[in-house]
Amino acid sequence: MDNVPLRETWAAMEELVRKGLVRNIGVSNFSIEDIRTVQQHSQIPVAVNQFECHPYMQLRELRQFCAEQKIVVTAHTSLGSPGNPWPEFHPPKLMEDKVILQISNKYSKSTANVLCRWAQQRNMIVLPKSITPVRIAENINGLNFDLSEVDLQLIDELDMGPKGRFNHPVTPWLGRGPFPDDVAHFKQWQQFDGLVCAVLTPFNTDDSINFQLIDR
């Protein structure tokens, strides 16, 4: 895989807007620094930034930056990845958190409803993942309530910072591997059958980023 500069990639995406093929363009898993890199050369502004965000990892600084730049925040892993295959590497299950359970009981709502409503009231778009029709309907129809400011603050206090991460995006174009700070976690990820067909792993050579394809 070639390491295409962000400037060139964004310019190609802007061309899609000019041709009328898309209305807006955005990014995913971009930090403040990454967005600023794009902004240095962009003619069309970044419309949205999609990244993991939930009560255990709230990324307030990034969210505030996006708000100031009028970039819509879309939160993925909003429910804390309840089906995550490696609980030993991650925080406890978010949907089983005592505070979330207490608040869900208070409003007679599911924990998923509470998590989604918290994100909405914190000005985020949420993408709860489900393949179960009943849960999909519940996620759509169960958001007709508002969390009180007291309850919002209680949920805010659950933030663990980077340690609250459930999802590890592979973003080689930003010089990142799956688990840059955790070799053991990466090895476990490599060995998980059926998860991926190929793994792109970055390794540094003279401060440049190269990539190695591992066949599965």
N, C-alpha and C. Protein backbone atom coordinates (compact mmCIF):
# COMPACT_ATOMS: atom_id res chain seq x y z
N MET A 1 0.85 -1.20 0.00
CA MET A 1 0.00 0.00 0.00
C MET A 1 0.88 1.24 0.00
N ASP A 2 0.59 2.17 -0.90
CA ASP A 2 1.34 3.42 -0.94
C ASP A 2 0.88 4.32 0.20
N ASN A 3 1.83 5.08 0.73
CA ASN A 3 1.51 6.04 1.78
C ASN A 3 1.14 7.36 1.11
N VAL A 4 -0.12 7.49 0.68
CA VAL A 4 -0.58 8.68 -0.03
C VAL A 4 -0.77 9.81 0.98
N PRO A 5 -0.20 10.97 0.73
CA PRO A 5 -0.36 12.11 1.66
C PRO A 5 -1.82 12.49 1.83
N LEU A 6 -2.17 12.94 3.03
CA LEU A 6 -3.54 13.37 3.28
C LEU A 6 -3.96 14.48 2.33
N ARG A 7 -3.03 15.35 2.00
CA ARG A 7 -3.34 16.47 1.11
C ARG A 7 -3.88 15.96 -0.23
N GLU A 8 -3.24 14.94 -0.80
CA GLU A 8 -3.66 14.40 -2.08
C GLU A 8 -5.01 13.67 -1.97
N THR A 9 -5.16 12.93 -0.87
CA THR A 9 -6.42 12.20 -0.67
C THR A 9 -7.58 13.17 -0.53
N TRP A 10 -7.39 14.23 0.26
CA TRP A 10 -8.47 15.19 0.46
C TRP A 10 -8.79 15.93 -0.84
N ALA A 11 -7.77 16.26 -1.63
CA ALA A 11 -8.00 16.93 -2.91
C ALA A 11 -8.85 16.06 -3.83
N ALA A 12 -8.60 14.75 -3.83
CA ALA A 12 -9.39 13.82 -4.64
C ALA A 12 -10.83 13.77 -4.15
N MET A 13 -11.02 13.82 -2.84
CA MET A 13 -12.37 13.82 -2.29
C MET A 13 -13.10 15.12 -2.63
N GLU A 14 -12.40 16.24 -2.61
CA GLU A 14 -13.00 17.51 -2.99
C GLU A 14 -13.48 17.48 -4.44
N GLU A 15 -12.74 16.80 -5.28
CA GLU A 15 -13.12 16.70 -6.69
C GLU A 15 -14.45 15.96 -6.84
N LEU A 16 -14.71 15.01 -5.95
CA LEU A 16 -15.99 14.30 -5.99
C LEU A 16 -17.14 15.24 -5.69
N VAL A 17 -16.92 16.19 -4.79
CA VAL A 17 -17.95 17.19 -4.49
C VAL A 17 -18.19 18.08 -5.71
N ARG A 18 -17.12 18.52 -6.34
CA ARG A 18 -17.24 19.41 -7.51
C ARG A 18 -17.97 18.72 -8.66
N LYS A 19 -17.80 17.41 -8.78
CA LYS A 19 -18.46 16.66 -9.84
C LYS A 19 -19.90 16.30 -9.49
N GLY A 20 -20.32 16.63 -8.27
CA GLY A 20 -21.68 16.35 -7.85
C GLY A 20 -21.93 14.92 -7.46
N LEU A 21 -20.87 14.16 -7.23
CA LEU A 21 -21.01 12.75 -6.86
C LEU A 21 -21.32 12.58 -5.38
N VAL A 22 -20.90 13.53 -4.54
CA VAL A 22 -21.22 13.53 -3.12
C VAL A 22 -21.52 14.96 -2.70
N ARG A 23 -22.24 15.10 -1.62
CA ARG A 23 -22.60 16.44 -1.13
C ARG A 23 -21.59 16.97 -0.12
N ASN A 24 -21.15 16.08 0.77
CA ASN A 24 -20.23 16.47 1.83
C ASN A 24 -19.15 15.41 1.97
N ILE A 25 -18.02 15.81 2.51
CA ILE A 25 -16.92 14.87 2.75
C ILE A 25 -16.43 15.03 4.18
N GLY A 26 -15.98 13.92 4.75
CA GLY A 26 -15.52 13.96 6.13
C GLY A 26 -14.42 12.96 6.38
N VAL A 27 -14.12 12.75 7.64
CA VAL A 27 -13.01 11.90 8.04
C VAL A 27 -13.46 10.96 9.15
N SER A 28 -12.61 9.98 9.45
CA SER A 28 -12.92 9.02 10.51
C SER A 28 -11.67 8.76 11.33
N ASN A 29 -11.84 8.75 12.65
CA ASN A 29 -10.75 8.49 13.59
C ASN A 29 -9.61 9.49 13.45
N PHE A 30 -9.95 10.75 13.14
CA PHE A 30 -8.95 11.81 13.02
C PHE A 30 -8.80 12.56 14.34
N SER A 31 -7.57 12.81 14.72
CA SER A 31 -7.27 13.63 15.89
C SER A 31 -7.31 15.10 15.48
N ILE A 32 -7.15 15.99 16.46
CA ILE A 32 -7.10 17.43 16.17
C ILE A 32 -5.95 17.72 15.20
N GLU A 33 -4.80 17.14 15.45
CA GLU A 33 -3.64 17.35 14.58
C GLU A 33 -3.92 16.88 13.16
N ASP A 34 -4.57 15.72 13.02
CA ASP A 34 -4.90 15.20 11.70
C ASP A 34 -5.83 16.15 10.94
N ILE A 35 -6.85 16.67 11.64
CA ILE A 35 -7.79 17.58 11.01
C ILE A 35 -7.09 18.87 10.59
N ARG A 36 -6.23 19.37 11.43
CA ARG A 36 -5.50 20.59 11.09
C ARG A 36 -4.61 20.38 9.86
N THR A 37 -4.07 19.18 9.71
CA THR A 37 -3.27 18.88 8.52
C THR A 37 -4.12 19.01 7.27
N VAL A 38 -5.34 18.49 7.32
CA VAL A 38 -6.26 18.60 6.19
C VAL A 38 -6.63 20.07 5.95
N GLN A 39 -6.91 20.79 7.03
CA GLN A 39 -7.38 22.17 6.89
C GLN A 39 -6.33 23.09 6.28
N GLN A 40 -5.07 22.74 6.42
CA GLN A 40 -4.01 23.58 5.86
C GLN A 40 -4.10 23.69 4.35
N HIS A 41 -4.68 22.69 3.71
CA HIS A 41 -4.70 22.65 2.25
C HIS A 41 -6.11 22.55 1.67
N SER A 42 -7.12 22.45 2.51
CA SER A 42 -8.47 22.18 2.02
C SER A 42 -9.14 23.43 1.46
N GLN A 43 -9.96 23.23 0.46
CA GLN A 43 -10.83 24.28 -0.07
C GLN A 43 -12.27 24.05 0.34
N ILE A 44 -12.61 22.78 0.58
CA ILE A 44 -13.93 22.40 1.08
C ILE A 44 -13.75 21.91 2.51
N PRO A 45 -14.51 22.44 3.45
CA PRO A 45 -14.29 22.09 4.86
C PRO A 45 -14.68 20.65 5.19
N VAL A 46 -14.07 20.14 6.24
CA VAL A 46 -14.42 18.81 6.77
C VAL A 46 -15.83 18.89 7.35
N ALA A 47 -16.72 18.03 6.90
CA ALA A 47 -18.12 18.09 7.35
C ALA A 47 -18.35 17.28 8.61
N VAL A 48 -17.64 16.15 8.74
CA VAL A 48 -17.91 15.24 9.86
C VAL A 48 -16.65 14.50 10.25
N ASN A 49 -16.53 14.19 11.51
CA ASN A 49 -15.46 13.32 12.01
C ASN A 49 -16.11 12.20 12.81
N GLN A 50 -15.92 10.98 12.36
CA GLN A 50 -16.47 9.81 13.04
C GLN A 50 -15.38 9.15 13.86
N PHE A 51 -15.63 8.96 15.15
CA PHE A 51 -14.64 8.31 16.01
C PHE A 51 -15.34 7.67 17.20
N GLU A 52 -14.62 6.78 17.87
CA GLU A 52 -15.17 6.11 19.04
C GLU A 52 -15.42 7.12 20.15
N CYS A 53 -16.62 7.13 20.66
CA CYS A 53 -16.94 8.02 21.77
C CYS A 53 -18.13 7.47 22.54
N HIS A 54 -17.96 7.37 23.84
CA HIS A 54 -18.99 6.85 24.74
C HIS A 54 -18.59 7.27 26.15
N PRO A 55 -19.39 6.98 27.16
CA PRO A 55 -19.07 7.46 28.51
C PRO A 55 -17.70 7.04 29.04
N TYR A 56 -17.16 5.91 28.63
CA TYR A 56 -15.86 5.49 29.12
C TYR A 56 -14.70 6.19 28.39
N MET A 57 -14.95 6.73 27.19
CA MET A 57 -13.91 7.48 26.47
C MET A 57 -14.59 8.64 25.75
N GLN A 58 -14.58 9.81 26.37
CA GLN A 58 -15.42 10.91 25.92
C GLN A 58 -14.72 11.92 25.02
N LEU A 59 -13.41 11.95 25.02
CA LEU A 59 -12.64 12.79 24.09
C LEU A 59 -13.19 14.21 24.03
N ARG A 60 -13.30 14.85 25.18
CA ARG A 60 -13.92 16.18 25.26
C ARG A 60 -13.17 17.22 24.43
N GLU A 61 -11.84 17.17 24.46
CA GLU A 61 -11.06 18.18 23.73
C GLU A 61 -11.30 18.06 22.22
N LEU A 62 -11.33 16.84 21.72
CA LEU A 62 -11.58 16.63 20.30
C LEU A 62 -13.00 17.07 19.93
N ARG A 63 -13.96 16.73 20.77
CA ARG A 63 -15.34 17.14 20.51
C ARG A 63 -15.48 18.66 20.52
N GLN A 64 -14.81 19.32 21.45
CA GLN A 64 -14.88 20.78 21.52
C GLN A 64 -14.25 21.41 20.28
N PHE A 65 -13.13 20.85 19.85
CA PHE A 65 -12.47 21.35 18.64
C PHE A 65 -13.41 21.21 17.44
N CYS A 66 -14.04 20.05 17.31
CA CYS A 66 -14.96 19.84 16.19
C CYS A 66 -16.12 20.83 16.25
N ALA A 67 -16.63 21.09 17.44
CA ALA A 67 -17.73 22.06 17.57
C ALA A 67 -17.28 23.45 17.13
N GLU A 68 -16.10 23.84 17.52
CA GLU A 68 -15.57 25.16 17.15
C GLU A 68 -15.37 25.27 15.64
N GLN A 69 -15.01 24.16 15.01
CA GLN A 69 -14.77 24.14 13.56
C GLN A 69 -16.03 23.79 12.76
N LYS A 70 -17.15 23.66 13.45
CA LYS A 70 -18.43 23.31 12.84
C LYS A 70 -18.35 21.98 12.10
N ILE A 71 -17.66 21.03 12.74
CA ILE A 71 -17.54 19.66 12.22
C ILE A 71 -18.49 18.77 13.03
N VAL A 72 -19.38 18.09 12.36
CA VAL A 72 -20.32 17.20 13.04
C VAL A 72 -19.56 16.00 13.60
N VAL A 73 -19.88 15.62 14.82
CA VAL A 73 -19.27 14.44 15.43
C VAL A 73 -20.23 13.27 15.33
N THR A 74 -19.76 12.18 14.74
CA THR A 74 -20.51 10.93 14.72
C THR A 74 -19.76 9.93 15.59
N ALA A 75 -20.44 9.41 16.59
CA ALA A 75 -19.81 8.49 17.54
C ALA A 75 -20.07 7.05 17.13
N HIS A 76 -18.98 6.28 16.99
CA HIS A 76 -19.16 4.83 16.81
C HIS A 76 -18.76 4.12 18.10
N THR A 77 -19.04 2.83 18.16
CA THR A 77 -18.85 2.03 19.38
C THR A 77 -19.60 2.68 20.54
N SER A 78 -20.77 3.23 20.24
CA SER A 78 -21.54 4.01 21.22
C SER A 78 -22.00 3.19 22.41
N LEU A 79 -22.15 1.87 22.21
CA LEU A 79 -22.63 1.00 23.29
C LEU A 79 -21.49 0.25 23.97
N GLY A 80 -20.26 0.58 23.59
CA GLY A 80 -19.11 -0.04 24.25
C GLY A 80 -18.77 -1.42 23.73
N SER A 81 -19.18 -1.75 22.52
CA SER A 81 -18.82 -3.02 21.90
C SER A 81 -19.12 -4.21 22.81
N PRO A 82 -20.42 -4.45 23.10
CA PRO A 82 -20.78 -5.52 24.03
C PRO A 82 -20.34 -6.92 23.59
N GLY A 83 -20.11 -7.12 22.29
CA GLY A 83 -19.67 -8.43 21.81
C GLY A 83 -18.18 -8.54 21.64
N ASN A 84 -17.44 -7.64 22.26
CA ASN A 84 -15.98 -7.63 22.10
C ASN A 84 -15.37 -8.97 22.52
N PRO A 85 -14.50 -9.58 21.68
CA PRO A 85 -13.99 -10.92 21.99
C PRO A 85 -12.86 -10.98 23.02
N TRP A 86 -12.32 -9.81 23.44
CA TRP A 86 -11.17 -9.84 24.36
C TRP A 86 -11.42 -8.95 25.57
N PRO A 87 -12.29 -9.35 26.47
CA PRO A 87 -12.59 -8.50 27.63
C PRO A 87 -11.38 -8.24 28.51
N GLU A 88 -10.37 -9.14 28.45
CA GLU A 88 -9.19 -8.93 29.30
C GLU A 88 -8.37 -7.73 28.87
N PHE A 89 -8.57 -7.26 27.65
CA PHE A 89 -7.81 -6.12 27.14
C PHE A 89 -8.60 -4.81 27.21
N HIS A 90 -9.85 -4.87 27.66
CA HIS A 90 -10.71 -3.70 27.59
C HIS A 90 -11.37 -3.39 28.93
N PRO A 91 -12.01 -2.23 29.03
CA PRO A 91 -12.74 -1.89 30.25
C PRO A 91 -13.91 -2.85 30.46
N PRO A 92 -14.54 -2.80 31.63
CA PRO A 92 -15.75 -3.62 31.85
C PRO A 92 -16.83 -3.25 30.84
N LYS A 93 -17.81 -4.13 30.68
CA LYS A 93 -18.87 -3.89 29.73
C LYS A 93 -19.65 -2.62 30.10
N LEU A 94 -19.69 -1.69 29.18
CA LEU A 94 -20.32 -0.40 29.44
C LEU A 94 -21.81 -0.56 29.74
N MET A 95 -22.47 -1.46 29.04
CA MET A 95 -23.91 -1.62 29.23
C MET A 95 -24.27 -2.27 30.56
N GLU A 96 -23.24 -2.75 31.28
CA GLU A 96 -23.46 -3.34 32.60
C GLU A 96 -22.94 -2.44 33.72
N ASP A 97 -22.54 -1.23 33.37
CA ASP A 97 -22.05 -0.28 34.38
C ASP A 97 -23.17 0.05 35.37
N LYS A 98 -22.84 0.12 36.65
CA LYS A 98 -23.84 0.34 37.70
C LYS A 98 -24.57 1.66 37.52
N VAL A 99 -23.84 2.71 37.16
CA VAL A 99 -24.47 4.02 36.99
C VAL A 99 -25.45 3.98 35.82
N ILE A 100 -25.03 3.38 34.71
CA ILE A 100 -25.91 3.28 33.54
C ILE A 100 -27.15 2.46 33.86
N LEU A 101 -26.97 1.36 34.59
CA LEU A 101 -28.11 0.53 34.98
C LEU A 101 -29.08 1.28 35.88
N GLN A 102 -28.56 2.02 36.85
CA GLN A 102 -29.42 2.79 37.76
C GLN A 102 -30.23 3.84 37.00
N ILE A 103 -29.58 4.51 36.06
CA ILE A 103 -30.27 5.54 35.30
C ILE A 103 -31.30 4.92 34.36
N SER A 104 -30.97 3.78 33.76
CA SER A 104 -31.93 3.12 32.88
C SER A 104 -33.18 2.67 33.65
N ASN A 105 -32.98 2.20 34.86
CA ASN A 105 -34.13 1.81 35.71
C ASN A 105 -34.97 3.03 36.08
N LYS A 106 -34.31 4.13 36.34
CA LYS A 106 -35.01 5.36 36.71
C LYS A 106 -35.97 5.82 35.62
N TYR A 107 -35.54 5.70 34.37
CA TYR A 107 -36.35 6.17 33.25
C TYR A 107 -37.14 5.05 32.58
N SER A 108 -37.01 3.83 33.09
CA SER A 108 -37.66 2.66 32.48
C SER A 108 -37.27 2.52 31.01
N LYS A 109 -35.97 2.69 30.76
CA LYS A 109 -35.41 2.58 29.43
C LYS A 109 -34.28 1.55 29.45
N SER A 110 -33.90 1.06 28.28
CA SER A 110 -32.78 0.13 28.21
C SER A 110 -31.47 0.89 28.40
N THR A 111 -30.43 0.14 28.75
CA THR A 111 -29.11 0.79 28.88
C THR A 111 -28.66 1.36 27.54
N ALA A 112 -29.01 0.68 26.44
CA ALA A 112 -28.66 1.20 25.12
C ALA A 112 -29.34 2.54 24.87
N ASN A 113 -30.61 2.67 25.28
CA ASN A 113 -31.31 3.94 25.13
C ASN A 113 -30.61 5.06 25.90
N VAL A 114 -30.19 4.75 27.11
CA VAL A 114 -29.51 5.76 27.95
C VAL A 114 -28.20 6.19 27.30
N LEU A 115 -27.43 5.23 26.81
CA LEU A 115 -26.14 5.56 26.19
C LEU A 115 -26.33 6.40 24.93
N CYS A 116 -27.32 6.04 24.12
CA CYS A 116 -27.58 6.80 22.91
C CYS A 116 -28.09 8.21 23.23
N ARG A 117 -28.96 8.29 24.22
CA ARG A 117 -29.52 9.61 24.57
C ARG A 117 -28.46 10.51 25.18
N TRP A 118 -27.56 9.94 25.97
CA TRP A 118 -26.44 10.74 26.50
C TRP A 118 -25.64 11.35 25.36
N ALA A 119 -25.31 10.53 24.36
CA ALA A 119 -24.53 11.02 23.22
C ALA A 119 -25.29 12.11 22.46
N GLN A 120 -26.59 11.90 22.25
CA GLN A 120 -27.38 12.89 21.52
C GLN A 120 -27.42 14.21 22.29
N GLN A 121 -27.61 14.14 23.59
CA GLN A 121 -27.68 15.36 24.39
C GLN A 121 -26.32 16.01 24.56
N ARG A 122 -25.27 15.31 24.20
CA ARG A 122 -23.92 15.89 24.16
C ARG A 122 -23.53 16.23 22.72
N ASN A 123 -24.56 16.40 21.88
CA ASN A 123 -24.40 16.90 20.50
C ASN A 123 -23.61 15.97 19.59
N MET A 124 -23.85 14.69 19.71
CA MET A 124 -23.24 13.71 18.83
C MET A 124 -24.31 12.92 18.08
N ILE A 125 -23.99 12.51 16.86
CA ILE A 125 -24.78 11.52 16.14
C ILE A 125 -24.28 10.15 16.59
N VAL A 126 -25.18 9.23 16.82
CA VAL A 126 -24.77 7.91 17.30
C VAL A 126 -25.11 6.83 16.27
N LEU A 127 -24.27 5.79 16.24
CA LEU A 127 -24.46 4.67 15.32
C LEU A 127 -24.47 3.36 16.11
N PRO A 128 -25.55 3.09 16.83
CA PRO A 128 -25.61 1.82 17.56
C PRO A 128 -25.73 0.65 16.59
N LYS A 129 -24.89 -0.33 16.76
CA LYS A 129 -24.88 -1.47 15.85
C LYS A 129 -25.73 -2.61 16.42
N SER A 130 -26.58 -3.17 15.57
CA SER A 130 -27.38 -4.33 15.96
C SER A 130 -27.86 -5.04 14.71
N ILE A 131 -27.98 -6.35 14.79
CA ILE A 131 -28.55 -7.14 13.70
C ILE A 131 -29.88 -7.74 14.12
N THR A 132 -30.32 -7.40 15.33
CA THR A 132 -31.57 -7.93 15.88
C THR A 132 -32.71 -6.95 15.64
N PRO A 133 -33.74 -7.33 14.88
CA PRO A 133 -34.83 -6.39 14.55
C PRO A 133 -35.46 -5.73 15.78
N VAL A 134 -35.65 -6.50 16.85
CA VAL A 134 -36.28 -5.93 18.05
C VAL A 134 -35.40 -4.83 18.64
N ARG A 135 -34.09 -5.07 18.69
CA ARG A 135 -33.19 -4.08 19.26
C ARG A 135 -33.06 -2.86 18.35
N ILE A 136 -33.08 -3.09 17.04
CA ILE A 136 -33.03 -1.97 16.10
C ILE A 136 -34.24 -1.06 16.33
N ALA A 137 -35.42 -1.66 16.45
CA ALA A 137 -36.64 -0.89 16.70
C ALA A 137 -36.55 -0.17 18.05
N GLU A 138 -35.99 -0.84 19.04
CA GLU A 138 -35.84 -0.25 20.37
C GLU A 138 -34.91 0.96 20.32
N ASN A 139 -33.83 0.84 19.54
CA ASN A 139 -32.89 1.95 19.43
C ASN A 139 -33.52 3.16 18.74
N ILE A 140 -34.45 2.89 17.83
CA ILE A 140 -35.10 3.98 17.11
C ILE A 140 -36.21 4.62 17.94
N ASN A 141 -37.01 3.77 18.59
CA ASN A 141 -38.23 4.25 19.25
C ASN A 141 -38.05 4.56 20.73
N GLY A 142 -36.89 4.23 21.28
CA GLY A 142 -36.73 4.39 22.72
C GLY A 142 -36.00 5.64 23.15
N LEU A 143 -35.95 6.64 22.27
CA LEU A 143 -35.18 7.85 22.58
C LEU A 143 -36.05 9.07 22.80
N ASN A 144 -37.31 8.84 23.15
CA ASN A 144 -38.27 9.93 23.35
C ASN A 144 -38.27 10.41 24.79
N PHE A 145 -37.08 10.68 25.32
CA PHE A 145 -36.95 11.18 26.69
C PHE A 145 -35.68 12.00 26.79
N ASP A 146 -35.57 12.78 27.85
CA ASP A 146 -34.38 13.58 28.10
C ASP A 146 -33.77 13.19 29.44
N LEU A 147 -32.47 13.00 29.45
CA LEU A 147 -31.76 12.78 30.71
C LEU A 147 -31.62 14.12 31.43
N SER A 148 -31.79 14.10 32.73
CA SER A 148 -31.63 15.33 33.50
C SER A 148 -30.16 15.75 33.51
N GLU A 149 -29.92 16.99 33.84
CA GLU A 149 -28.54 17.47 33.89
C GLU A 149 -27.75 16.72 34.95
N VAL A 150 -28.41 16.36 36.04
CA VAL A 150 -27.74 15.58 37.10
C VAL A 150 -27.30 14.23 36.56
N ASP A 151 -28.16 13.57 35.82
CA ASP A 151 -27.83 12.26 35.27
C ASP A 151 -26.76 12.36 34.18
N LEU A 152 -26.82 13.42 33.40
CA LEU A 152 -25.78 13.64 32.40
C LEU A 152 -24.41 13.79 33.07
N GLN A 153 -24.38 14.51 34.16
CA GLN A 153 -23.12 14.70 34.89
C GLN A 153 -22.62 13.39 35.49
N LEU A 154 -23.54 12.58 35.99
CA LEU A 154 -23.14 11.28 36.54
C LEU A 154 -22.48 10.42 35.46
N ILE A 155 -23.04 10.46 34.28
CA ILE A 155 -22.46 9.69 33.17
C ILE A 155 -21.13 10.30 32.74
N ASP A 156 -21.05 11.62 32.74
CA ASP A 156 -19.79 12.29 32.39
C ASP A 156 -18.64 11.84 33.29
N GLU A 157 -18.94 11.55 34.52
CA GLU A 157 -17.92 11.17 35.49
C GLU A 157 -17.35 9.77 35.26
N LEU A 158 -17.90 9.02 34.31
CA LEU A 158 -17.42 7.67 34.01
C LEU A 158 -16.21 7.67 33.08
N ASP A 159 -15.82 8.82 32.59
CA ASP A 159 -14.74 8.92 31.60
C ASP A 159 -13.44 8.32 32.12
N MET A 160 -12.84 7.43 31.33
CA MET A 160 -11.55 6.81 31.66
C MET A 160 -10.42 7.32 30.77
N GLY A 161 -10.73 8.22 29.86
CA GLY A 161 -9.70 8.64 28.93
C GLY A 161 -9.36 7.53 27.94
N PRO A 162 -8.12 7.50 27.42
CA PRO A 162 -7.73 6.48 26.44
C PRO A 162 -7.89 5.05 26.94
N LYS A 163 -7.84 4.84 28.25
CA LYS A 163 -7.99 3.50 28.80
C LYS A 163 -9.41 2.97 28.60
N GLY A 164 -10.34 3.84 28.27
CA GLY A 164 -11.72 3.40 28.06
C GLY A 164 -12.01 2.93 26.65
N ARG A 165 -10.99 2.84 25.81
CA ARG A 165 -11.18 2.46 24.41
C ARG A 165 -11.55 0.99 24.26
N PHE A 166 -12.54 0.72 23.40
CA PHE A 166 -12.91 -0.65 23.04
C PHE A 166 -12.45 -1.00 21.62
N ASN A 167 -12.44 -0.02 20.75
CA ASN A 167 -12.16 -0.25 19.34
C ASN A 167 -10.79 0.31 18.99
N HIS A 168 -10.02 -0.44 18.19
CA HIS A 168 -8.68 -0.01 17.80
C HIS A 168 -8.60 0.10 16.29
N PRO A 169 -8.91 1.29 15.74
CA PRO A 169 -8.94 1.43 14.28
C PRO A 169 -7.56 1.28 13.66
N VAL A 170 -7.52 0.57 12.55
CA VAL A 170 -6.28 0.44 11.79
C VAL A 170 -6.24 1.59 10.80
N THR A 171 -5.39 2.57 11.02
CA THR A 171 -5.31 3.73 10.14
C THR A 171 -3.86 3.93 9.69
N PRO A 172 -3.40 3.07 8.76
CA PRO A 172 -2.01 3.16 8.33
C PRO A 172 -1.67 4.47 7.64
N TRP A 173 -2.68 5.12 7.02
CA TRP A 173 -2.42 6.39 6.34
C TRP A 173 -2.10 7.50 7.34
N LEU A 174 -2.38 7.27 8.62
CA LEU A 174 -1.99 8.22 9.66
C LEU A 174 -0.79 7.71 10.44
N GLY A 175 -0.16 6.63 9.95
CA GLY A 175 1.01 6.10 10.63
C GLY A 175 0.68 5.31 11.86
N ARG A 176 -0.54 4.73 11.91
CA ARG A 176 -0.97 3.98 13.09
C ARG A 176 -1.16 2.51 12.75
N GLY A 177 -0.82 1.65 13.70
CA GLY A 177 -1.13 0.25 13.58
C GLY A 177 -2.34 -0.07 14.42
N PRO A 178 -2.73 -1.34 14.50
CA PRO A 178 -3.91 -1.72 15.27
C PRO A 178 -3.79 -1.39 16.75
N PHE A 179 -2.66 -1.72 17.37
CA PHE A 179 -2.46 -1.53 18.78
C PHE A 179 -1.04 -0.98 19.01
N PRO A 180 -0.82 0.29 18.74
CA PRO A 180 0.55 0.82 18.74
C PRO A 180 1.25 0.73 20.08
N ASP A 181 0.50 0.64 21.16
CA ASP A 181 1.13 0.64 22.49
C ASP A 181 0.98 -0.68 23.23
N ASP A 182 0.53 -1.71 22.53
CA ASP A 182 0.24 -2.96 23.23
C ASP A 182 0.55 -4.14 22.31
N VAL A 183 1.77 -4.65 22.40
CA VAL A 183 2.21 -5.74 21.54
C VAL A 183 1.39 -7.00 21.79
N ALA A 184 1.13 -7.30 23.07
CA ALA A 184 0.37 -8.51 23.41
C ALA A 184 -1.02 -8.47 22.79
N HIS A 185 -1.65 -7.30 22.86
CA HIS A 185 -2.98 -7.13 22.31
C HIS A 185 -2.95 -7.34 20.79
N PHE A 186 -1.95 -6.80 20.14
CA PHE A 186 -1.83 -6.93 18.69
C PHE A 186 -1.67 -8.39 18.29
N LYS A 187 -0.85 -9.14 19.02
CA LYS A 187 -0.65 -10.55 18.70
C LYS A 187 -1.95 -11.32 18.84
N GLN A 188 -2.72 -11.00 19.87
CA GLN A 188 -4.01 -11.66 20.06
C GLN A 188 -4.94 -11.34 18.89
N TRP A 189 -4.91 -10.12 18.44
CA TRP A 189 -5.74 -9.67 17.32
C TRP A 189 -5.36 -10.42 16.04
N GLN A 190 -4.05 -10.60 15.82
CA GLN A 190 -3.60 -11.31 14.63
C GLN A 190 -4.09 -12.75 14.60
N GLN A 191 -4.18 -13.39 15.77
CA GLN A 191 -4.47 -14.80 15.85
C GLN A 191 -5.96 -15.12 15.81
N PHE A 192 -6.80 -14.09 15.86
CA PHE A 192 -8.23 -14.33 15.94
C PHE A 192 -8.76 -14.74 14.57
N ASP A 193 -9.12 -16.01 14.39
CA ASP A 193 -9.57 -16.53 13.10
C ASP A 193 -10.88 -15.87 12.70
N GLY A 194 -10.97 -15.54 11.43
CA GLY A 194 -12.20 -15.02 10.87
C GLY A 194 -12.39 -13.53 11.03
N LEU A 195 -11.50 -12.86 11.76
CA LEU A 195 -11.69 -11.43 11.96
C LEU A 195 -11.29 -10.64 10.73
N VAL A 196 -10.16 -10.99 10.15
CA VAL A 196 -9.68 -10.27 8.97
C VAL A 196 -9.08 -11.25 7.98
N CYS A 197 -9.01 -10.85 6.74
CA CYS A 197 -8.35 -11.65 5.72
C CYS A 197 -6.89 -11.27 5.60
N ALA A 198 -6.57 -10.03 5.90
CA ALA A 198 -5.19 -9.57 5.83
C ALA A 198 -4.98 -8.49 6.87
N VAL A 199 -3.77 -8.35 7.32
CA VAL A 199 -3.43 -7.36 8.33
C VAL A 199 -2.37 -6.44 7.76
N LEU A 200 -2.60 -5.15 7.86
CA LEU A 200 -1.59 -4.19 7.44
C LEU A 200 -0.89 -3.67 8.69
N THR A 201 0.39 -3.93 8.80
CA THR A 201 1.13 -3.52 9.98
C THR A 201 2.20 -2.52 9.61
N PRO A 202 2.19 -1.33 10.23
CA PRO A 202 3.23 -0.35 9.94
C PRO A 202 4.51 -0.66 10.69
N PHE A 203 5.62 -0.39 10.07
CA PHE A 203 6.88 -0.45 10.80
C PHE A 203 7.75 0.70 10.31
N ASN A 204 8.50 1.29 11.21
CA ASN A 204 9.26 2.50 10.91
C ASN A 204 10.62 2.17 10.32
N THR A 205 10.97 2.85 9.25
CA THR A 205 12.29 2.74 8.66
C THR A 205 12.77 4.14 8.34
N ASP A 206 13.76 4.61 9.07
CA ASP A 206 14.29 5.96 8.87
C ASP A 206 13.18 7.01 8.93
N ASP A 207 12.32 6.86 9.95
CA ASP A 207 11.25 7.82 10.20
C ASP A 207 10.20 7.87 9.09
N SER A 208 10.21 6.93 8.17
CA SER A 208 9.17 6.88 7.17
C SER A 208 8.27 5.68 7.46
N ILE A 209 7.08 5.72 6.94
CA ILE A 209 6.12 4.65 7.21
C ILE A 209 6.08 3.69 6.03
N ASN A 210 6.30 2.42 6.30
CA ASN A 210 6.16 1.35 5.31
C ASN A 210 5.13 0.36 5.80
N PHE A 211 4.73 -0.57 4.93
CA PHE A 211 3.68 -1.48 5.30
C PHE A 211 4.01 -2.89 4.85
N GLN A 212 3.62 -3.82 5.69
CA GLN A 212 3.86 -5.24 5.43
C GLN A 212 2.54 -5.97 5.41
N LEU A 213 2.28 -6.70 4.34
CA LEU A 213 1.03 -7.45 4.23
C LEU A 213 1.23 -8.85 4.78
N ILE A 214 0.37 -9.23 5.71
CA ILE A 214 0.44 -10.55 6.31
C ILE A 214 -0.73 -11.37 5.79
N ASP A 215 -0.45 -12.42 5.04
CA ASP A 215 -1.51 -13.26 4.49
C ASP A 215 -2.15 -14.06 5.61
N ARG A 216 -3.48 -14.24 5.49
CA ARG A 216 -4.20 -15.05 6.46
C ARG A 216 -4.84 -16.23 5.75
